[in-house]
PDB file of N, CA and C in Angstrom:
ATOM      1  N   MET A   1     130.298 192.427   1.307  1.00  0.00           N
ATOM      2  CA  MET A   1     130.657 193.019   0.045  1.00  0.00           C
ATOM      3  C   MET A   1     130.210 194.478   0.043  1.00  0.00           C
ATOM      4  N   LYS A   2     131.105 195.372  -0.383  1.00  0.00           N
ATOM      5  CA  LYS A   2     130.806 196.799  -0.403  1.00  0.00           C
ATOM      6  C   LYS A   2     129.992 197.141  -1.641  1.00  0.00           C
ATOM      7  N   GLU A   3     128.867 197.817  -1.416  1.00  0.00           N
ATOM      8  CA  GLU A   3     128.025 198.240  -2.535  1.00  0.00           C
ATOM      9  C   GLU A   3     128.626 199.486  -3.167  1.00  0.00           C
ATOM     10  N   ASN A   4     128.469 199.628  -4.461  1.00  0.00           N
ATOM     11  CA  ASN A   4     128.942 200.798  -5.182  1.00  0.00           C
ATOM     12  C   ASN A   4     128.366 202.061  -4.554  1.00  0.00           C
ATOM     13  N   GLU A   5     129.230 203.057  -4.312  1.00  0.00           N
ATOM     14  CA  GLU A   5     128.796 204.285  -3.648  1.00  0.00           C
ATOM     15  C   GLU A   5     127.743 205.044  -4.457  1.00  0.00           C
ATOM     16  N   ASN A   6     127.675 204.819  -5.754  1.00  0.00           N
ATOM     17  CA  ASN A   6     126.674 205.493  -6.570  1.00  0.00           C
ATOM     18  C   ASN A   6     125.344 204.764  -6.555  1.00  0.00           C
ATOM     19  N   ASN A   7     125.262 203.633  -5.868  1.00  0.00           N
ATOM     20  CA  ASN A   7     124.031 202.857  -5.783  1.00  0.00           C
ATOM     21  C   ASN A   7     123.625 202.639  -4.330  1.00  0.00           C
ATOM     22  N   VAL A   8     123.732 203.653  -3.509  1.00  0.00           N
ATOM     23  CA  VAL A   8     123.346 203.495  -2.118  1.00  0.00           C
ATOM     24  C   VAL A   8     121.842 203.645  -1.990  1.00  0.00           C
ATOM     25  N   SER A   9     121.272 202.910  -1.035  1.00  0.00           N
ATOM     26  CA  SER A   9     119.831 203.005  -0.798  1.00  0.00           C
ATOM     27  C   SER A   9     119.519 204.266  -0.004  1.00  0.00           C
ATOM     28  N   GLY A  10     118.240 204.567   0.120  1.00  0.00           N
ATOM     29  CA  GLY A  10     117.812 205.729   0.900  1.00  0.00           C
ATOM     30  C   GLY A  10     118.248 205.621   2.350  1.00  0.00           C
ATOM     31  N   THR A  11     118.181 204.416   2.898  1.00  0.00           N
ATOM     32  CA  THR A  11     118.604 204.198   4.282  1.00  0.00           C
ATOM     33  C   THR A  11     120.100 204.441   4.426  1.00  0.00           C
ATOM     34  N   GLU A  12     120.873 203.902   3.491  1.00  0.00           N
ATOM     35  CA  GLU A  12     122.318 204.104   3.541  1.00  0.00           C
ATOM     36  C   GLU A  12     122.675 205.579   3.362  1.00  0.00           C
ATOM     37  N   LEU A  13     121.944 206.261   2.495  1.00  0.00           N
ATOM     38  CA  LEU A  13     122.171 207.687   2.287  1.00  0.00           C
ATOM     39  C   LEU A  13     121.895 208.461   3.569  1.00  0.00           C
ATOM     40  N   SER A  14     120.796 208.139   4.239  1.00  0.00           N
ATOM     41  CA  SER A  14     120.471 208.789   5.519  1.00  0.00           C
ATOM     42  C   SER A  14     121.561 208.539   6.550  1.00  0.00           C
ATOM     43  N   GLU A  15     122.070 207.306   6.589  1.00  0.00           N
ATOM     44  CA  GLU A  15     123.136 206.981   7.536  1.00  0.00           C
ATOM     45  C   GLU A  15     124.396 207.777   7.243  1.00  0.00           C
ATOM     46  N   LEU A  16     124.723 207.930   5.961  1.00  0.00           N
ATOM     47  CA  LEU A  16     125.890 208.738   5.590  1.00  0.00           C
ATOM     48  C   LEU A  16     125.708 210.181   6.023  1.00  0.00           C
ATOM     49  N   ILE A  17     124.505 210.711   5.838  1.00  0.00           N
ATOM     50  CA  ILE A  17     124.234 212.095   6.233  1.00  0.00           C
ATOM     51  C   ILE A  17     124.379 212.262   7.737  1.00  0.00           C
ATOM     52  N   VAL A  18     123.819 211.337   8.506  1.00  0.00           N
ATOM     53  CA  VAL A  18     123.923 211.409   9.972  1.00  0.00           C
ATOM     54  C   VAL A  18     125.388 211.343  10.388  1.00  0.00           C
ATOM     55  N   ARG A  19     126.146 210.449   9.778  1.00  0.00           N
ATOM     56  CA  ARG A  19     127.569 210.336  10.120  1.00  0.00           C
ATOM     57  C   ARG A  19     128.333 211.599   9.726  1.00  0.00           C
ATOM     58  N   ALA A  20     128.011 212.159   8.559  1.00  0.00           N
ATOM     59  CA  ALA A  20     128.692 213.385   8.120  1.00  0.00           C
ATOM     60  C   ALA A  20     128.402 214.534   9.079  1.00  0.00           C
ATOM     61  N   ARG A  21     127.176 214.602   9.572  1.00  0.00           N
ATOM     62  CA  ARG A  21     126.824 215.648  10.552  1.00  0.00           C
ATOM     63  C   ARG A  21     127.598 215.483  11.853  1.00  0.00           C
ATOM     64  N   ALA A  22     128.007 214.255  12.131  1.00  0.00           N
ATOM     65  CA  ALA A  22     128.772 213.971  13.350  1.00  0.00           C
ATOM     66  C   ALA A  22     130.279 214.095  13.082  1.00  0.00           C
ATOM     67  N   ASN A  23     130.630 214.837  12.054  1.00  0.00           N
ATOM     68  CA  ASN A  23     132.024 215.119  11.689  1.00  0.00           C
ATOM     69  C   ASN A  23     132.797 213.906  11.203  1.00  0.00           C
ATOM     70  N   ASP A  24     132.107 212.951  10.586  1.00  0.00           N
ATOM     71  CA  ASP A  24     132.772 211.811   9.955  1.00  0.00           C
ATOM     72  C   ASP A  24     133.164 212.246   8.552  1.00  0.00           C
ATOM     73  N   SER A  25     134.432 212.584   8.378  1.00  0.00           N
ATOM     74  CA  SER A  25     134.876 213.113   7.082  1.00  0.00           C
ATOM     75  C   SER A  25     134.784 212.066   5.979  1.00  0.00           C
ATOM     76  N   ALA A  26     134.958 210.796   6.303  1.00  0.00           N
ATOM     77  CA  ALA A  26     134.835 209.753   5.283  1.00  0.00           C
ATOM     78  C   ALA A  26     133.400 209.689   4.754  1.00  0.00           C
ATOM     79  N   ALA A  27     132.420 209.845   5.635  1.00  0.00           N
ATOM     80  CA  ALA A  27     131.015 209.836   5.209  1.00  0.00           C
ATOM     81  C   ALA A  27     130.738 211.039   4.307  1.00  0.00           C
ATOM     82  N   PHE A  28     131.258 212.211   4.681  1.00  0.00           N
ATOM     83  CA  PHE A  28     131.054 213.395   3.847  1.00  0.00           C
ATOM     84  C   PHE A  28     131.722 213.208   2.484  1.00  0.00           C
ATOM     85  N   GLU A  29     132.921 212.662   2.464  1.00  0.00           N
ATOM     86  CA  GLU A  29     133.619 212.432   1.202  1.00  0.00           C
ATOM     87  C   GLU A  29     132.849 211.450   0.319  1.00  0.00           C
ATOM     88  N   THR A  30     132.233 210.447   0.921  1.00  0.00           N
ATOM     89  CA  THR A  30     131.425 209.498   0.155  1.00  0.00           C
ATOM     90  C   THR A  30     130.226 210.212  -0.473  1.00  0.00           C
ATOM     91  N   LEU A  31     129.566 211.057   0.323  1.00  0.00           N
ATOM     92  CA  LEU A  31     128.443 211.830  -0.212  1.00  0.00           C
ATOM     93  C   LEU A  31     128.909 212.742  -1.341  1.00  0.00           C
ATOM     94  N   LEU A  32     130.013 213.425  -1.107  1.00  0.00           N
ATOM     95  CA  LEU A  32     130.524 214.344  -2.118  1.00  0.00           C
ATOM     96  C   LEU A  32     130.897 213.606  -3.395  1.00  0.00           C
ATOM     97  N   SER A  33     131.513 212.445  -3.279  1.00  0.00           N
ATOM     98  CA  SER A  33     131.891 211.705  -4.484  1.00  0.00           C
ATOM     99  C   SER A  33     130.652 211.249  -5.255  1.00  0.00           C
ATOM    100  N   ARG A  34     129.574 210.988  -4.533  1.00  0.00           N
ATOM    101  CA  ARG A  34     128.328 210.582  -5.184  1.00  0.00           C
ATOM    102  C   ARG A  34     127.699 211.747  -5.956  1.00  0.00           C
ATOM    103  N   TYR A  35     127.729 212.943  -5.387  1.00  0.00           N
ATOM    104  CA  TYR A  35     127.036 214.089  -5.980  1.00  0.00           C
ATOM    105  C   TYR A  35     127.929 215.047  -6.748  1.00  0.00           C
ATOM    106  N   GLU A  36     129.239 214.867  -6.700  1.00  0.00           N
ATOM    107  CA  GLU A  36     130.145 215.786  -7.375  1.00  0.00           C
ATOM    108  C   GLU A  36     129.910 215.860  -8.874  1.00  0.00           C
ATOM    109  N   PRO A  37     129.641 214.756  -9.562  1.00  0.00           N
ATOM    110  CA  PRO A  37     129.376 214.893 -11.006  1.00  0.00           C
ATOM    111  C   PRO A  37     128.182 215.802 -11.299  1.00  0.00           C
ATOM    112  N   MET A  38     127.139 215.705 -10.498  1.00  0.00           N
ATOM    113  CA  MET A  38     125.971 216.558 -10.690  1.00  0.00           C
ATOM    114  C   MET A  38     126.319 218.021 -10.388  1.00  0.00           C
ATOM    115  N   ILE A  39     127.082 218.241  -9.341  1.00  0.00           N
ATOM    116  CA  ILE A  39     127.501 219.602  -8.988  1.00  0.00           C
ATOM    117  C   ILE A  39     128.342 220.183 -10.123  1.00  0.00           C
ATOM    118  N   GLY A  40     129.313 219.400 -10.599  1.00  0.00           N
ATOM    119  CA  GLY A  40     130.180 219.873 -11.682  1.00  0.00           C
ATOM    120  C   GLY A  40     129.409 220.182 -12.957  1.00  0.00           C
ATOM    121  N   ASN A  41     128.474 219.312 -13.324  1.00  0.00           N
ATOM    122  CA  ASN A  41     127.674 219.550 -14.527  1.00  0.00           C
ATOM    123  C   ASN A  41     126.827 220.806 -14.397  1.00  0.00           C
ATOM    124  N   THR A  42     126.258 221.021 -13.230  1.00  0.00           N
ATOM    125  CA  THR A  42     125.428 222.203 -13.007  1.00  0.00           C
ATOM    126  C   THR A  42     126.271 223.471 -13.079  1.00  0.00           C
ATOM    127  N   VAL A  43     127.439 223.438 -12.462  1.00  0.00           N
ATOM    128  CA  VAL A  43     128.325 224.606 -12.508  1.00  0.00           C
ATOM    129  C   VAL A  43     128.725 224.905 -13.946  1.00  0.00           C
ATOM    130  N   ARG A  44     129.114 223.888 -14.685  1.00  0.00           N
ATOM    131  CA  ARG A  44     129.515 224.115 -16.084  1.00  0.00           C
ATOM    132  C   ARG A  44     128.364 224.656 -16.924  1.00  0.00           C
ATOM    133  N   ARG A  45     127.167 224.219 -16.614  1.00  0.00           N
ATOM    134  CA  ARG A  45     126.006 224.639 -17.401  1.00  0.00           C
ATOM    135  C   ARG A  45     125.594 226.086 -17.105  1.00  0.00           C
ATOM    136  N   TYR A  46     125.631 226.478 -15.844  1.00  0.00           N
ATOM    137  CA  TYR A  46     125.030 227.758 -15.455  1.00  0.00           C
ATOM    138  C   TYR A  46     126.005 228.855 -15.050  1.00  0.00           C
ATOM    139  N   ALA A  47     127.244 228.521 -14.756  1.00  0.00           N
ATOM    140  CA  ALA A  47     128.184 229.554 -14.313  1.00  0.00           C
ATOM    141  C   ALA A  47     128.623 230.409 -15.492  1.00  0.00           C
ATOM    142  N   PRO A  48     128.688 231.718 -15.280  1.00  0.00           N
ATOM    143  CA  PRO A  48     129.211 232.591 -16.343  1.00  0.00           C
ATOM    144  C   PRO A  48     130.661 232.218 -16.652  1.00  0.00           C
ATOM    145  N   GLN A  49     131.032 232.348 -17.908  1.00  0.00           N
ATOM    146  CA  GLN A  49     132.388 232.013 -18.321  1.00  0.00           C
ATOM    147  C   GLN A  49     133.392 232.817 -17.505  1.00  0.00           C
ATOM    148  N   GLY A  50     134.398 232.128 -16.994  1.00  0.00           N
ATOM    149  CA  GLY A  50     135.424 232.766 -16.182  1.00  0.00           C
ATOM    150  C   GLY A  50     135.099 232.775 -14.703  1.00  0.00           C
ATOM    151  N   GLN A  51     133.912 232.363 -14.336  1.00  0.00           N
ATOM    152  CA  GLN A  51     133.522 232.360 -12.924  1.00  0.00           C
ATOM    153  C   GLN A  51     133.213 230.957 -12.423  1.00  0.00           C
ATOM    154  N   GLU A  52     133.691 229.951 -13.141  1.00  0.00           N
ATOM    155  CA  GLU A  52     133.403 228.574 -12.781  1.00  0.00           C
ATOM    156  C   GLU A  52     133.944 228.205 -11.400  1.00  0.00           C
ATOM    157  N   ASP A  53     135.159 228.682 -11.084  1.00  0.00           N
ATOM    158  CA  ASP A  53     135.748 228.352  -9.783  1.00  0.00           C
ATOM    159  C   ASP A  53     134.927 228.916  -8.633  1.00  0.00           C
ATOM    160  N   ASP A  54     134.502 230.184  -8.771  1.00  0.00           N
ATOM    161  CA  ASP A  54     133.679 230.798  -7.727  1.00  0.00           C
ATOM    162  C   ASP A  54     132.339 230.080  -7.600  1.00  0.00           C
ATOM    163  N   ALA A  55     131.750 229.749  -8.740  1.00  0.00           N
ATOM    164  CA  ALA A  55     130.462 229.061  -8.721  1.00  0.00           C
ATOM    165  C   ALA A  55     130.597 227.676  -8.099  1.00  0.00           C
ATOM    166  N   ARG A  56     131.699 226.995  -8.373  1.00  0.00           N
ATOM    167  CA  ARG A  56     131.931 225.676  -7.781  1.00  0.00           C
ATOM    168  C   ARG A  56     132.052 225.780  -6.265  1.00  0.00           C
ATOM    169  N   GLN A  57     132.762 226.785  -5.786  1.00  0.00           N
ATOM    170  CA  GLN A  57     132.891 226.982  -4.343  1.00  0.00           C
ATOM    171  C   GLN A  57     131.531 227.240  -3.703  1.00  0.00           C
ATOM    172  N   GLU A  58     130.726 228.055  -4.358  1.00  0.00           N
ATOM    173  CA  GLU A  58     129.372 228.321  -3.855  1.00  0.00           C
ATOM    174  C   GLU A  58     128.528 227.054  -3.862  1.00  0.00           C
ATOM    175  N   ALA A  59     128.660 226.265  -4.918  1.00  0.00           N
ATOM    176  CA  ALA A  59     127.898 225.018  -5.009  1.00  0.00           C
ATOM    177  C   ALA A  59     128.318 224.042  -3.923  1.00  0.00           C
ATOM    178  N   LEU A  60     129.596 223.958  -3.647  1.00  0.00           N
ATOM    179  CA  LEU A  60     130.073 223.062  -2.592  1.00  0.00           C
ATOM    180  C   LEU A  60     129.610 223.535  -1.213  1.00  0.00           C
ATOM    181  N   ALA A  61     129.591 224.839  -1.002  1.00  0.00           N
ATOM    182  CA  ALA A  61     129.065 225.366   0.259  1.00  0.00           C
ATOM    183  C   ALA A  61     127.585 225.037   0.391  1.00  0.00           C
ATOM    184  N   GLY A  62     126.848 225.152  -0.709  1.00  0.00           N
ATOM    185  CA  GLY A  62     125.431 224.793  -0.698  1.00  0.00           C
ATOM    186  C   GLY A  62     125.234 223.314  -0.436  1.00  0.00           C
ATOM    187  N   PHE A  63     126.084 222.480  -0.994  1.00  0.00           N
ATOM    188  CA  PHE A  63     126.004 221.042  -0.748  1.00  0.00           C
ATOM    189  C   PHE A  63     126.236 220.747   0.732  1.00  0.00           C
ATOM    190  N   TYR A  64     127.228 221.392   1.308  1.00  0.00           N
ATOM    191  CA  TYR A  64     127.515 221.198   2.734  1.00  0.00           C
ATOM    192  C   TYR A  64     126.309 221.608   3.584  1.00  0.00           C
ATOM    193  N   ARG A  65     125.722 222.763   3.276  1.00  0.00           N
ATOM    194  CA  ARG A  65     124.527 223.210   4.003  1.00  0.00           C
ATOM    195  C   ARG A  65     123.378 222.229   3.834  1.00  0.00           C
ATOM    196  N   ALA A  66     123.251 221.672   2.634  1.00  0.00           N
ATOM    197  CA  ALA A  66     122.190 220.694   2.384  1.00  0.00           C
ATOM    198  C   ALA A  66     122.387 219.443   3.232  1.00  0.00           C
ATOM    199  N   VAL A  67     123.618 218.997   3.368  1.00  0.00           N
ATOM    200  CA  VAL A  67     123.894 217.832   4.213  1.00  0.00           C
ATOM    201  C   VAL A  67     123.501 218.140   5.658  1.00  0.00           C
ATOM    202  N   LEU A  68     123.808 219.338   6.115  1.00  0.00           N
ATOM    203  CA  LEU A  68     123.505 219.707   7.505  1.00  0.00           C
ATOM    204  C   LEU A  68     122.015 219.848   7.772  1.00  0.00           C
ATOM    205  N   THR A  69     121.236 220.194   6.755  1.00  0.00           N
ATOM    206  CA  THR A  69     119.818 220.489   6.988  1.00  0.00           C
ATOM    207  C   THR A  69     118.862 219.466   6.396  1.00  0.00           C
ATOM    208  N   PHE A  70     119.365 218.471   5.695  1.00  0.00           N
ATOM    209  CA  PHE A  70     118.503 217.480   5.056  1.00  0.00           C
ATOM    210  C   PHE A  70     117.691 216.729   6.105  1.00  0.00           C
ATOM    211  N   ASP A  71     116.398 216.584   5.870  1.00  0.00           N
ATOM    212  CA  ASP A  71     115.515 215.898   6.811  1.00  0.00           C
ATOM    213  C   ASP A  71     115.564 214.389   6.538  1.00  0.00           C
ATOM    214  N   THR A  72     116.323 213.684   7.354  1.00  0.00           N
ATOM    215  CA  THR A  72     116.490 212.245   7.160  1.00  0.00           C
ATOM    216  C   THR A  72     115.286 211.448   7.683  1.00  0.00           C
ATOM    217  N   THR A  73     114.303 212.111   8.294  1.00  0.00           N
ATOM    218  CA  THR A  73     113.145 211.402   8.797  1.00  0.00           C
ATOM    219  C   THR A  73     112.063 211.224   7.750  1.00  0.00           C
ATOM    220  N   GLN A  74     112.139 211.935   6.648  1.00  0.00           N
ATOM    221  CA  GLN A  74     111.149 211.829   5.590  1.00  0.00           C
ATOM    222  C   GLN A  74     111.400 210.571   4.769  1.00  0.00           C
ATOM    223  N   PRO A  75     110.354 209.888   4.369  1.00  0.00           N
ATOM    224  CA  PRO A  75     110.557 208.700   3.532  1.00  0.00           C
ATOM    225  C   PRO A  75     111.148 209.073   2.179  1.00  0.00           C
ATOM    226  N   GLY A  76     112.043 208.225   1.695  1.00  0.00           N
ATOM    227  CA  GLY A  76     112.742 208.511   0.455  1.00  0.00           C
ATOM    228  C   GLY A  76     112.004 208.058  -0.716  1.00  0.00           C
TER     229      GLY A  76
END
């Protein structure tokens, strides 16, 4: 049975990150779908009016960098 993507454990999250780093686009999309609401809320809250699209692009680039650099060896 597939667990809800918004309720993944720390181990499953680490596995998704490792797979995303190995160019598994499905793993990256799963991560993005999990964190996109938080990214969107942050952009809406802090982006200057009229610059939401640019801020969203920057936030997504930051998310991608975070996936690439996240230390999966640390306990969650």
